[in-house]
Structure formats: structure tokens, C-alpha cells
């Protein structure tokens, strides 16, 4: 079930971002402005936070699958990197996205007073640098996808679509149309794979 739900949550979450057809790179201040009062965007981010649990299930199962097909080291390393990156993603959504939802009811004056603190948070000051660990997600899942492809643990199409999807899904903030396309690509591979497992 995780293989079905996980990629579909990402499709929904990326689809809730504003200005999808106006891709551009956004800095911390622009991200703060974009998130203010966007309740649907906050809902998407909340779902992604919960979705990290399903991502870990997918990583563990893929790792076990490729290890059972002889790719022991790739399965172990890919799973470890994917899980660590997923933990960082949960922290990222909590620190940056869910925090913004708590400020929706502030007046403009109160929000302006909180802006210096928000700027420090979105610039990943202090120990928030750990949030950069999310780059481990595409690396870890790419290792698992390549291992699945070379070992025959999944059909070639499942592995290729997963690989393309995870390599593009971490595109910078502001160009979520690319992330949305990546999520749809990933779903095209994982959803049928998950349904097959359910129906067996």
C-alpha cells in the first residue's frame, strides 16, 4: 500500500504549489511570502510530513528486495541513505513548512515582527543545516533503483521510472512543475508495482 500512496501524496503536494507555470528559483524571503496564508499548501506539506513514514517503508522493502537478488551492498547503502534523507525531510517540513502554518492568524504587523526569526529559519541557520540531509533521498533511492535494474529485482520499467523520478523530484523551490512531473513519473512506476503486490 505504501508503494501506491507514497508517490500519489507527492503528486498532490506538488500540485498545490502556487504559480506552477512560472518556474523560478526562490530565496528564503520569497519562500516566506509564498507560504503566508496558503492553507492548501500547508495541507500538502502536512501530508508530506506524514508521508515520510511510507517513504521509509518503501526504502526498506526495496532494499530487502534487491538484497534478495544478490545486490547486498547496494541494498544496504541505498536503504541507509534513503532512510536518513527521509528523516531529514520530516524535519525540514516540520521546521520550515508546518511552522509557517502556525503564523497564518497573525496580523501583518505581528508577522513583520516575526520575520527576522523566519529568515534565520529559512536560511537554515544553526543546526538547521542538518536539513540539507534531504539530498540523501535521491541518492539513496537512485542506488536502490539502479540495483533493482541491474539485479532484476523489479521490472526494468519500474526501476527506470523510479530512477528518473527521484533524480528530478528534488528540484529547487520555485520550480515545482519539474517536481510534479517527477512525482508523476515515479507514480507511474511505483503505483502499478504496489497494486501488483496487493493483488498477489
N, C-alpha and C. Protein backbone atom coordinates (compact mmCIF):
# COMPACT_ATOMS: atom_id res chain seq x y z
N UNK A 1 0.82 -1.20 0.00
CA UNK A 1 0.00 0.00 0.00
C UNK A 1 0.86 1.26 0.00
N UNK A 2 2.02 1.18 0.66
CA UNK A 2 2.93 2.32 0.71
C UNK A 2 3.40 2.71 -0.68
N UNK A 3 3.63 1.72 -1.55
CA UNK A 3 4.08 1.99 -2.92
C UNK A 3 3.02 2.73 -3.73
N UNK A 4 1.76 2.55 -3.38
CA UNK A 4 0.66 3.22 -4.08
C UNK A 4 0.44 4.63 -3.53
N UNK A 5 0.37 4.74 -2.22
CA UNK A 5 0.00 6.01 -1.60
C UNK A 5 1.14 7.02 -1.62
N UNK A 6 2.37 6.57 -1.34
CA UNK A 6 3.51 7.49 -1.21
C UNK A 6 3.71 8.40 -2.41
N UNK A 7 3.81 7.85 -3.64
CA UNK A 7 4.03 8.75 -4.78
C UNK A 7 2.82 9.63 -5.08
N UNK A 8 1.61 9.14 -4.81
CA UNK A 8 0.41 9.94 -5.07
C UNK A 8 0.32 11.13 -4.12
N UNK A 9 0.79 10.97 -2.90
CA UNK A 9 0.84 12.11 -1.97
C UNK A 9 1.76 13.19 -2.51
N UNK A 10 2.90 12.79 -3.08
CA UNK A 10 3.82 13.77 -3.66
C UNK A 10 3.19 14.48 -4.85
N UNK A 11 2.43 13.74 -5.66
CA UNK A 11 1.75 14.37 -6.80
C UNK A 11 0.80 15.45 -6.28
N UNK A 12 0.00 15.12 -5.27
CA UNK A 12 -0.93 16.11 -4.71
C UNK A 12 -0.19 17.29 -4.10
N UNK A 13 0.85 17.01 -3.32
CA UNK A 13 1.56 18.07 -2.62
C UNK A 13 2.20 19.06 -3.59
N UNK A 14 2.85 18.56 -4.63
CA UNK A 14 3.48 19.47 -5.59
C UNK A 14 2.43 20.23 -6.40
N UNK A 15 1.28 19.60 -6.64
CA UNK A 15 0.22 20.25 -7.40
C UNK A 15 -0.41 21.41 -6.64
N UNK A 16 -0.26 21.45 -5.31
CA UNK A 16 -0.85 22.53 -4.51
C UNK A 16 0.01 23.79 -4.50
N UNK A 17 1.21 23.74 -5.06
CA UNK A 17 2.09 24.92 -5.04
C UNK A 17 1.58 25.98 -6.01
N UNK A 18 1.62 27.24 -5.60
CA UNK A 18 1.16 28.31 -6.50
C UNK A 18 2.16 28.58 -7.62
N UNK A 19 1.66 29.18 -8.68
CA UNK A 19 2.49 29.61 -9.81
C UNK A 19 3.29 28.46 -10.42
N UNK A 20 2.65 27.33 -10.59
CA UNK A 20 3.35 26.17 -11.15
C UNK A 20 3.90 26.45 -12.55
N UNK A 21 3.20 27.27 -13.29
CA UNK A 21 3.60 27.53 -14.68
C UNK A 21 4.54 28.72 -14.79
N UNK A 22 5.02 29.22 -13.65
CA UNK A 22 6.01 30.31 -13.65
C UNK A 22 7.24 29.88 -12.86
N UNK A 23 7.97 28.88 -13.36
CA UNK A 23 9.13 28.37 -12.60
C UNK A 23 10.22 29.41 -12.45
N UNK A 24 10.76 29.50 -11.24
CA UNK A 24 11.90 30.38 -10.93
C UNK A 24 12.47 29.93 -9.61
N UNK A 25 13.71 30.26 -9.36
CA UNK A 25 14.36 29.89 -8.10
C UNK A 25 13.98 30.91 -7.04
N UNK A 26 13.53 30.44 -5.89
CA UNK A 26 13.10 31.31 -4.80
C UNK A 26 14.10 31.30 -3.66
N UNK A 27 14.37 32.48 -3.12
CA UNK A 27 15.21 32.61 -1.94
C UNK A 27 14.38 32.52 -0.68
N UNK A 28 15.03 32.56 0.49
CA UNK A 28 14.31 32.44 1.77
C UNK A 28 13.17 33.45 1.93
N UNK A 29 13.41 34.71 1.59
CA UNK A 29 12.37 35.74 1.77
C UNK A 29 11.17 35.47 0.87
N UNK A 30 11.42 35.04 -0.34
CA UNK A 30 10.32 34.74 -1.26
C UNK A 30 9.54 33.51 -0.82
N UNK A 31 10.24 32.55 -0.23
CA UNK A 31 9.56 31.35 0.28
C UNK A 31 8.64 31.71 1.45
N UNK A 32 9.10 32.63 2.29
CA UNK A 32 8.28 33.08 3.41
C UNK A 32 7.01 33.74 2.90
N UNK A 33 7.15 34.63 1.92
CA UNK A 33 5.98 35.33 1.37
C UNK A 33 5.03 34.36 0.69
N UNK A 34 5.58 33.38 -0.02
CA UNK A 34 4.72 32.45 -0.74
C UNK A 34 3.90 31.57 0.20
N UNK A 35 4.47 31.24 1.35
CA UNK A 35 3.80 30.32 2.27
C UNK A 35 2.74 31.00 3.13
N UNK A 36 2.78 32.32 3.22
CA UNK A 36 1.84 33.02 4.11
C UNK A 36 0.41 32.88 3.63
N UNK A 37 -0.43 32.31 4.50
CA UNK A 37 -1.85 32.20 4.23
C UNK A 37 -2.24 31.15 3.21
N UNK A 38 -1.35 30.27 2.84
CA UNK A 38 -1.64 29.25 1.83
C UNK A 38 -2.06 27.95 2.51
N UNK A 39 -3.32 27.86 2.87
CA UNK A 39 -3.79 26.72 3.67
C UNK A 39 -3.71 25.40 2.89
N UNK A 40 -3.98 25.43 1.60
CA UNK A 40 -3.88 24.20 0.81
C UNK A 40 -2.43 23.76 0.71
N UNK A 41 -1.52 24.72 0.55
CA UNK A 41 -0.09 24.41 0.52
C UNK A 41 0.35 23.79 1.85
N UNK A 42 -0.14 24.36 2.95
CA UNK A 42 0.18 23.81 4.27
C UNK A 42 -0.34 22.38 4.41
N UNK A 43 -1.54 22.14 3.88
CA UNK A 43 -2.11 20.78 3.96
C UNK A 43 -1.23 19.80 3.19
N UNK A 44 -0.76 20.22 2.02
CA UNK A 44 0.14 19.38 1.24
C UNK A 44 1.42 19.08 1.99
N UNK A 45 1.97 20.10 2.63
CA UNK A 45 3.20 19.90 3.40
C UNK A 45 2.96 18.99 4.61
N UNK A 46 1.78 19.13 5.23
CA UNK A 46 1.45 18.24 6.34
C UNK A 46 1.38 16.79 5.89
N UNK A 47 0.79 16.56 4.71
CA UNK A 47 0.71 15.20 4.18
C UNK A 47 2.10 14.65 3.85
N UNK A 48 2.98 15.51 3.34
CA UNK A 48 4.34 15.06 3.04
C UNK A 48 5.06 14.66 4.33
N UNK A 49 4.81 15.41 5.40
CA UNK A 49 5.42 15.06 6.70
C UNK A 49 5.00 13.65 7.11
N UNK A 50 3.70 13.37 7.00
CA UNK A 50 3.21 12.03 7.33
C UNK A 50 3.70 10.99 6.32
N UNK A 51 3.87 11.43 5.09
CA UNK A 51 4.28 10.53 4.01
C UNK A 51 5.69 9.98 4.21
N UNK A 52 6.48 10.65 5.04
CA UNK A 52 7.85 10.17 5.26
C UNK A 52 7.85 8.77 5.88
N UNK A 53 6.81 8.46 6.65
CA UNK A 53 6.71 7.10 7.20
C UNK A 53 6.57 6.07 6.09
N UNK A 54 5.77 6.40 5.07
CA UNK A 54 5.60 5.49 3.94
C UNK A 54 6.87 5.41 3.10
N UNK A 55 7.61 6.52 3.00
CA UNK A 55 8.87 6.51 2.26
C UNK A 55 9.86 5.53 2.89
N UNK A 56 9.88 5.49 4.21
CA UNK A 56 10.78 4.56 4.89
C UNK A 56 10.37 3.12 4.62
N UNK A 57 9.06 2.86 4.60
CA UNK A 57 8.57 1.51 4.28
C UNK A 57 9.02 1.11 2.88
N UNK A 58 8.88 2.03 1.91
CA UNK A 58 9.27 1.76 0.53
C UNK A 58 10.78 1.49 0.45
N UNK A 59 11.57 2.32 1.13
CA UNK A 59 13.03 2.14 1.10
C UNK A 59 13.43 0.80 1.69
N UNK A 60 12.82 0.44 2.81
CA UNK A 60 13.16 -0.84 3.46
C UNK A 60 12.78 -2.02 2.57
N UNK A 61 11.61 -1.94 1.95
CA UNK A 61 11.18 -3.06 1.10
C UNK A 61 12.05 -3.18 -0.14
N UNK A 62 12.34 -2.04 -0.79
CA UNK A 62 13.21 -2.09 -1.97
C UNK A 62 14.59 -2.61 -1.61
N UNK A 63 15.10 -2.16 -0.47
CA UNK A 63 16.41 -2.65 -0.02
C UNK A 63 16.41 -4.14 0.20
N UNK A 64 15.37 -4.64 0.84
CA UNK A 64 15.26 -6.08 1.07
C UNK A 64 15.13 -6.84 -0.25
N UNK A 65 14.39 -6.27 -1.18
CA UNK A 65 14.17 -6.91 -2.47
C UNK A 65 15.47 -7.04 -3.27
N UNK A 66 16.24 -5.94 -3.33
CA UNK A 66 17.49 -6.01 -4.13
C UNK A 66 18.54 -6.88 -3.43
N UNK A 67 18.51 -6.89 -2.10
CA UNK A 67 19.45 -7.77 -1.39
C UNK A 67 19.12 -9.24 -1.65
N UNK A 68 17.85 -9.55 -1.75
CA UNK A 68 17.46 -10.94 -2.04
C UNK A 68 17.81 -11.35 -3.46
N UNK A 69 18.15 -10.37 -4.31
CA UNK A 69 18.56 -10.66 -5.68
C UNK A 69 20.06 -10.47 -5.87
N UNK A 70 20.80 -10.50 -4.77
CA UNK A 70 22.26 -10.50 -4.84
C UNK A 70 22.95 -9.16 -4.73
N UNK A 71 22.19 -8.06 -4.65
CA UNK A 71 22.81 -6.73 -4.56
C UNK A 71 22.88 -6.31 -3.09
N UNK A 72 23.67 -7.04 -2.31
CA UNK A 72 23.70 -6.83 -0.86
C UNK A 72 24.16 -5.42 -0.47
N UNK A 73 25.34 -5.01 -0.97
CA UNK A 73 25.88 -3.72 -0.56
C UNK A 73 25.02 -2.56 -1.07
N UNK A 74 24.57 -2.65 -2.30
CA UNK A 74 23.71 -1.59 -2.86
C UNK A 74 22.41 -1.48 -2.07
N UNK A 75 21.86 -2.62 -1.68
CA UNK A 75 20.64 -2.61 -0.90
C UNK A 75 20.84 -1.98 0.46
N UNK A 76 21.95 -2.31 1.11
CA UNK A 76 22.24 -1.77 2.43
C UNK A 76 22.52 -0.27 2.38
N UNK A 77 23.42 0.13 1.48
CA UNK A 77 23.79 1.55 1.38
C UNK A 77 22.62 2.40 0.90
N UNK A 78 21.92 1.92 -0.13
CA UNK A 78 20.78 2.67 -0.64
C UNK A 78 19.70 2.87 0.41
N UNK A 79 19.40 1.81 1.16
CA UNK A 79 18.38 1.91 2.21
C UNK A 79 18.82 2.90 3.29
N UNK A 80 20.07 2.79 3.73
CA UNK A 80 20.56 3.68 4.79
C UNK A 80 20.47 5.14 4.37
N UNK A 81 20.93 5.46 3.16
CA UNK A 81 20.90 6.84 2.68
C UNK A 81 19.47 7.35 2.51
N UNK A 82 18.61 6.50 1.95
CA UNK A 82 17.23 6.90 1.73
C UNK A 82 16.50 7.16 3.05
N UNK A 83 16.73 6.31 4.05
CA UNK A 83 16.07 6.48 5.34
C UNK A 83 16.58 7.73 6.06
N UNK A 84 17.90 7.95 6.05
CA UNK A 84 18.46 9.14 6.67
C UNK A 84 17.93 10.41 6.00
N UNK A 85 17.89 10.41 4.68
CA UNK A 85 17.36 11.55 3.96
C UNK A 85 15.89 11.80 4.26
N UNK A 86 15.13 10.72 4.41
CA UNK A 86 13.71 10.84 4.71
C UNK A 86 13.48 11.43 6.09
N UNK A 87 14.30 11.05 7.06
CA UNK A 87 14.22 11.64 8.40
C UNK A 87 14.47 13.15 8.31
N UNK A 88 15.45 13.54 7.50
CA UNK A 88 15.74 14.97 7.31
C UNK A 88 14.58 15.68 6.62
N UNK A 89 13.89 14.99 5.70
CA UNK A 89 12.72 15.59 5.05
C UNK A 89 11.61 15.86 6.05
N UNK A 90 11.39 14.92 6.97
CA UNK A 90 10.37 15.12 8.00
C UNK A 90 10.72 16.34 8.85
N UNK A 91 12.00 16.47 9.20
CA UNK A 91 12.44 17.63 9.98
C UNK A 91 12.30 18.91 9.18
N UNK A 92 12.61 18.85 7.89
CA UNK A 92 12.50 20.01 7.01
C UNK A 92 11.07 20.52 6.96
N UNK A 93 10.13 19.63 6.75
CA UNK A 93 8.73 20.04 6.66
C UNK A 93 8.23 20.58 8.00
N UNK A 94 8.70 19.99 9.10
CA UNK A 94 8.30 20.49 10.41
C UNK A 94 8.86 21.86 10.69
N UNK A 95 10.15 22.05 10.40
CA UNK A 95 10.83 23.30 10.73
C UNK A 95 10.41 24.45 9.82
N UNK A 96 10.26 24.19 8.54
CA UNK A 96 10.01 25.27 7.59
C UNK A 96 8.54 25.41 7.22
N UNK A 97 7.88 24.33 6.94
CA UNK A 97 6.54 24.41 6.38
C UNK A 97 5.43 24.44 7.44
N UNK A 98 5.45 23.51 8.37
CA UNK A 98 4.41 23.49 9.38
C UNK A 98 4.51 24.70 10.30
N UNK A 99 5.73 25.20 10.50
CA UNK A 99 5.92 26.41 11.29
C UNK A 99 5.16 27.58 10.67
N UNK A 100 5.23 27.69 9.35
CA UNK A 100 4.54 28.80 8.67
C UNK A 100 3.03 28.72 8.85
N UNK A 101 2.48 27.52 8.91
CA UNK A 101 1.03 27.39 9.08
C UNK A 101 0.57 27.92 10.42
N UNK A 102 1.46 27.88 11.41
CA UNK A 102 1.10 28.37 12.74
C UNK A 102 0.98 29.89 12.80
N UNK A 103 1.51 30.57 11.78
CA UNK A 103 1.54 32.04 11.78
C UNK A 103 0.45 32.66 10.92
N UNK A 104 -0.42 31.84 10.35
CA UNK A 104 -1.43 32.36 9.43
C UNK A 104 -2.38 33.37 10.07
N UNK A 105 -2.64 33.22 11.37
CA UNK A 105 -3.60 34.10 12.03
C UNK A 105 -2.97 35.37 12.60
N UNK A 106 -1.67 35.55 12.42
CA UNK A 106 -1.02 36.77 12.89
C UNK A 106 -1.40 37.94 11.99
N UNK A 107 -1.48 39.11 12.59
CA UNK A 107 -1.70 40.32 11.79
C UNK A 107 -0.44 40.62 10.99
N UNK A 108 -0.56 41.52 10.03
CA UNK A 108 0.60 41.89 9.22
C UNK A 108 1.71 42.48 10.08
N UNK A 109 1.34 43.24 11.09
CA UNK A 109 2.33 43.85 11.98
C UNK A 109 3.05 42.78 12.79
N UNK A 110 2.28 41.82 13.33
CA UNK A 110 2.87 40.75 14.11
C UNK A 110 3.76 39.86 13.24
N UNK A 111 3.30 39.62 12.02
CA UNK A 111 4.08 38.79 11.10
C UNK A 111 5.39 39.48 10.74
N UNK A 112 5.34 40.78 10.53
CA UNK A 112 6.55 41.53 10.21
C UNK A 112 7.55 41.45 11.36
N UNK A 113 7.06 41.46 12.60
CA UNK A 113 7.94 41.36 13.76
C UNK A 113 8.61 39.99 13.84
N UNK A 114 7.90 38.96 13.35
CA UNK A 114 8.45 37.60 13.38
C UNK A 114 9.37 37.31 12.21
N UNK A 115 9.42 38.21 11.25
CA UNK A 115 10.15 37.95 10.01
C UNK A 115 11.64 37.68 10.21
N UNK A 116 12.35 38.42 11.05
CA UNK A 116 13.78 38.11 11.24
C UNK A 116 14.02 36.68 11.70
N UNK A 117 13.16 36.18 12.59
CA UNK A 117 13.30 34.80 13.05
C UNK A 117 13.02 33.83 11.91
N UNK A 118 11.99 34.11 11.12
CA UNK A 118 11.67 33.26 9.99
C UNK A 118 12.79 33.25 8.96
N UNK A 119 13.40 34.40 8.74
CA UNK A 119 14.51 34.49 7.78
C UNK A 119 15.66 33.60 8.21
N UNK A 120 15.95 33.59 9.52
CA UNK A 120 17.03 32.74 10.03
C UNK A 120 16.69 31.27 9.86
N UNK A 121 15.41 30.93 10.06
CA UNK A 121 14.97 29.54 9.92
C UNK A 121 15.08 29.10 8.46
N UNK A 122 14.56 29.92 7.54
CA UNK A 122 14.55 29.54 6.13
C UNK A 122 15.95 29.58 5.51
N UNK A 123 16.85 30.33 6.12
CA UNK A 123 18.25 30.33 5.67
C UNK A 123 19.03 29.17 6.28
N UNK A 124 18.34 28.35 7.08
CA UNK A 124 18.92 27.16 7.72
C UNK A 124 20.13 27.52 8.59
N UNK A 125 19.93 28.51 9.44
CA UNK A 125 20.98 28.89 10.38
C UNK A 125 21.07 27.87 11.51
N UNK A 126 22.18 27.90 12.23
CA UNK A 126 22.37 27.00 13.36
C UNK A 126 22.35 25.54 12.92
N UNK A 127 21.75 24.70 13.76
CA UNK A 127 21.72 23.27 13.47
C UNK A 127 20.73 22.90 12.36
N UNK A 128 20.01 23.91 11.86
CA UNK A 128 19.12 23.63 10.73
C UNK A 128 19.87 23.24 9.47
N UNK A 129 21.21 23.39 9.48
CA UNK A 129 21.98 22.92 8.33
C UNK A 129 21.79 21.41 8.11
N UNK A 130 21.38 20.73 9.16
CA UNK A 130 21.14 19.29 9.02
C UNK A 130 20.03 18.98 8.01
N UNK A 131 19.18 19.98 7.76
CA UNK A 131 18.09 19.77 6.80
C UNK A 131 18.61 19.52 5.39
N UNK A 132 19.87 19.92 5.13
CA UNK A 132 20.45 19.63 3.82
C UNK A 132 20.61 18.13 3.59
N UNK A 133 20.39 17.36 4.65
CA UNK A 133 20.45 15.90 4.52
C UNK A 133 19.39 15.34 3.58
N UNK A 134 18.42 16.17 3.19
CA UNK A 134 17.39 15.68 2.26
C UNK A 134 18.00 15.29 0.90
N UNK A 135 19.21 15.78 0.61
CA UNK A 135 19.85 15.38 -0.66
C UNK A 135 20.18 13.89 -0.67
N UNK A 136 20.17 13.26 0.52
CA UNK A 136 20.42 11.82 0.58
C UNK A 136 19.26 11.01 0.02
N UNK A 137 18.06 11.63 -0.06
CA UNK A 137 16.89 10.91 -0.57
C UNK A 137 17.09 10.48 -2.02
N UNK A 138 17.35 11.43 -2.95
CA UNK A 138 17.53 10.97 -4.34
C UNK A 138 18.74 10.07 -4.51
N UNK A 139 19.80 10.30 -3.72
CA UNK A 139 20.99 9.45 -3.83
C UNK A 139 20.65 8.02 -3.41
N UNK A 140 20.02 7.90 -2.24
CA UNK A 140 19.68 6.57 -1.72
C UNK A 140 18.71 5.82 -2.61
N UNK A 141 17.64 6.49 -3.03
CA UNK A 141 16.66 5.81 -3.88
C UNK A 141 17.22 5.53 -5.27
N UNK A 142 18.13 6.39 -5.75
CA UNK A 142 18.77 6.12 -7.04
C UNK A 142 19.63 4.86 -6.96
N UNK A 143 20.35 4.70 -5.85
CA UNK A 143 21.15 3.48 -5.66
C UNK A 143 20.23 2.25 -5.67
N UNK A 144 19.10 2.34 -4.99
CA UNK A 144 18.16 1.22 -4.95
C UNK A 144 17.56 0.95 -6.32
N UNK A 145 17.25 2.02 -7.06
CA UNK A 145 16.66 1.84 -8.39
C UNK A 145 17.65 1.19 -9.35
N UNK A 146 18.90 1.66 -9.31
CA UNK A 146 19.93 1.07 -10.18
C UNK A 146 20.17 -0.40 -9.80
N UNK A 147 20.20 -0.68 -8.50
CA UNK A 147 20.39 -2.06 -8.04
C UNK A 147 19.22 -2.93 -8.48
N UNK A 148 18.00 -2.38 -8.42
CA UNK A 148 16.82 -3.14 -8.85
C UNK A 148 16.89 -3.42 -10.35
N UNK A 149 17.40 -2.45 -11.10
CA UNK A 149 17.51 -2.61 -12.55
C UNK A 149 18.55 -3.66 -12.92
N UNK A 150 19.71 -3.56 -12.29
CA UNK A 150 20.81 -4.47 -12.66
C UNK A 150 20.63 -5.88 -12.11
N UNK A 151 19.93 -6.00 -10.99
CA UNK A 151 19.76 -7.32 -10.39
C UNK A 151 18.50 -8.03 -10.86
N UNK A 152 17.61 -7.28 -11.52
CA UNK A 152 16.35 -7.87 -11.95
C UNK A 152 15.35 -8.02 -10.82
N UNK A 153 15.53 -7.24 -9.76
CA UNK A 153 14.62 -7.34 -8.61
C UNK A 153 13.22 -6.83 -8.95
N UNK A 154 13.14 -5.89 -9.88
CA UNK A 154 11.85 -5.40 -10.38
C UNK A 154 11.91 -5.41 -11.90
N UNK A 155 10.79 -5.13 -12.53
CA UNK A 155 10.82 -5.00 -13.99
C UNK A 155 11.65 -3.77 -14.34
N UNK A 156 12.27 -3.74 -15.51
CA UNK A 156 13.10 -2.58 -15.90
C UNK A 156 12.33 -1.27 -15.84
N UNK A 157 11.05 -1.28 -16.25
CA UNK A 157 10.29 -0.03 -16.27
C UNK A 157 10.08 0.54 -14.89
N UNK A 158 9.82 -0.31 -13.92
CA UNK A 158 9.65 0.17 -12.55
C UNK A 158 10.92 0.86 -12.07
N UNK A 159 12.06 0.21 -12.29
CA UNK A 159 13.34 0.77 -11.83
C UNK A 159 13.69 2.05 -12.57
N UNK A 160 13.46 2.10 -13.89
CA UNK A 160 13.81 3.28 -14.67
C UNK A 160 12.93 4.47 -14.30
N UNK A 161 11.63 4.25 -14.17
CA UNK A 161 10.73 5.34 -13.80
C UNK A 161 11.03 5.85 -12.39
N UNK A 162 11.35 4.94 -11.48
CA UNK A 162 11.74 5.35 -10.14
C UNK A 162 13.01 6.18 -10.19
N UNK A 163 13.99 5.73 -10.95
CA UNK A 163 15.26 6.44 -11.04
C UNK A 163 15.09 7.85 -11.59
N UNK A 164 14.35 7.97 -12.68
CA UNK A 164 14.12 9.30 -13.27
C UNK A 164 13.36 10.19 -12.30
N UNK A 165 12.34 9.63 -11.66
CA UNK A 165 11.53 10.40 -10.72
C UNK A 165 12.31 10.93 -9.54
N UNK A 166 13.11 10.07 -8.91
CA UNK A 166 13.82 10.50 -7.70
C UNK A 166 14.95 11.48 -8.01
N UNK A 167 15.52 11.39 -9.21
CA UNK A 167 16.61 12.30 -9.56
C UNK A 167 16.10 13.71 -9.85
N UNK A 168 14.83 13.83 -10.24
CA UNK A 168 14.26 15.14 -10.56
C UNK A 168 13.37 15.72 -9.46
N UNK A 169 12.98 14.89 -8.50
CA UNK A 169 11.99 15.35 -7.53
C UNK A 169 12.56 16.35 -6.52
N UNK A 170 13.87 16.43 -6.44
CA UNK A 170 14.49 17.38 -5.51
C UNK A 170 14.85 18.70 -6.16
N UNK A 171 14.18 19.07 -7.25
CA UNK A 171 14.46 20.32 -7.94
C UNK A 171 14.23 21.50 -7.00
N UNK A 172 14.98 22.60 -7.13
CA UNK A 172 14.89 23.71 -6.18
C UNK A 172 13.49 24.31 -6.05
N UNK A 173 13.22 24.89 -4.89
CA UNK A 173 11.94 25.56 -4.63
C UNK A 173 11.68 26.64 -5.66
N UNK A 174 10.44 26.68 -6.14
CA UNK A 174 10.05 27.66 -7.13
C UNK A 174 9.84 27.06 -8.50
N UNK A 175 10.36 25.86 -8.71
CA UNK A 175 10.19 25.17 -9.99
C UNK A 175 9.45 23.86 -9.77
N UNK A 176 8.37 23.92 -8.99
CA UNK A 176 7.65 22.70 -8.60
C UNK A 176 6.98 22.00 -9.76
N UNK A 177 6.89 22.66 -10.92
CA UNK A 177 6.34 21.97 -12.08
C UNK A 177 7.24 20.79 -12.46
N UNK A 178 8.55 20.95 -12.25
CA UNK A 178 9.50 19.86 -12.51
C UNK A 178 9.30 18.76 -11.47
N UNK A 179 9.15 19.16 -10.21
CA UNK A 179 8.92 18.19 -9.13
C UNK A 179 7.62 17.42 -9.36
N UNK A 180 6.60 18.14 -9.84
CA UNK A 180 5.32 17.49 -10.11
C UNK A 180 5.47 16.44 -11.22
N UNK A 181 6.19 16.80 -12.28
CA UNK A 181 6.44 15.84 -13.35
C UNK A 181 7.22 14.64 -12.85
N UNK A 182 8.18 14.90 -11.95
CA UNK A 182 8.97 13.81 -11.38
C UNK A 182 8.10 12.89 -10.52
N UNK A 183 7.19 13.49 -9.74
CA UNK A 183 6.31 12.70 -8.89
C UNK A 183 5.37 11.83 -9.74
N UNK A 184 4.88 12.38 -10.83
CA UNK A 184 4.00 11.62 -11.73
C UNK A 184 4.78 10.47 -12.36
N UNK A 185 6.02 10.74 -12.75
CA UNK A 185 6.87 9.69 -13.32
C UNK A 185 7.11 8.57 -12.32
N UNK A 186 7.42 8.96 -11.08
CA UNK A 186 7.65 7.98 -10.03
C UNK A 186 6.39 7.16 -9.76
N UNK A 187 5.24 7.86 -9.74
CA UNK A 187 3.97 7.16 -9.51
C UNK A 187 3.68 6.16 -10.62
N UNK A 188 4.05 6.50 -11.86
CA UNK A 188 3.81 5.61 -13.00
C UNK A 188 4.55 4.28 -12.82
N UNK A 189 5.67 4.31 -12.09
CA UNK A 189 6.41 3.08 -11.85
C UNK A 189 5.98 2.36 -10.59
N UNK A 190 5.80 3.13 -9.51
CA UNK A 190 5.56 2.51 -8.21
C UNK A 190 4.12 2.07 -7.98
N UNK A 191 3.15 2.85 -8.49
CA UNK A 191 1.74 2.50 -8.22
C UNK A 191 1.38 1.14 -8.82
N UNK A 192 1.67 0.88 -10.11
CA UNK A 192 1.38 -0.46 -10.64
C UNK A 192 2.14 -1.57 -9.90
N UNK A 193 3.39 -1.27 -9.51
CA UNK A 193 4.18 -2.25 -8.77
C UNK A 193 3.51 -2.56 -7.43
N UNK A 194 3.03 -1.53 -6.75
CA UNK A 194 2.35 -1.73 -5.48
C UNK A 194 1.04 -2.46 -5.63
N UNK A 195 0.26 -2.11 -6.67
CA UNK A 195 -1.00 -2.80 -6.91
C UNK A 195 -0.79 -4.27 -7.21
N UNK A 196 0.27 -4.57 -7.93
CA UNK A 196 0.60 -5.97 -8.23
C UNK A 196 0.85 -6.75 -6.94
N UNK A 197 1.60 -6.13 -6.02
CA UNK A 197 1.87 -6.80 -4.74
C UNK A 197 0.60 -7.00 -3.93
N UNK A 198 -0.29 -6.00 -3.97
CA UNK A 198 -1.56 -6.11 -3.22
C UNK A 198 -2.42 -7.24 -3.75
N UNK A 199 -2.44 -7.37 -5.08
CA UNK A 199 -3.33 -8.35 -5.71
C UNK A 199 -2.78 -9.77 -5.73
N UNK A 200 -1.50 -9.93 -5.40
CA UNK A 200 -0.91 -11.27 -5.41
C UNK A 200 -1.47 -12.11 -4.26
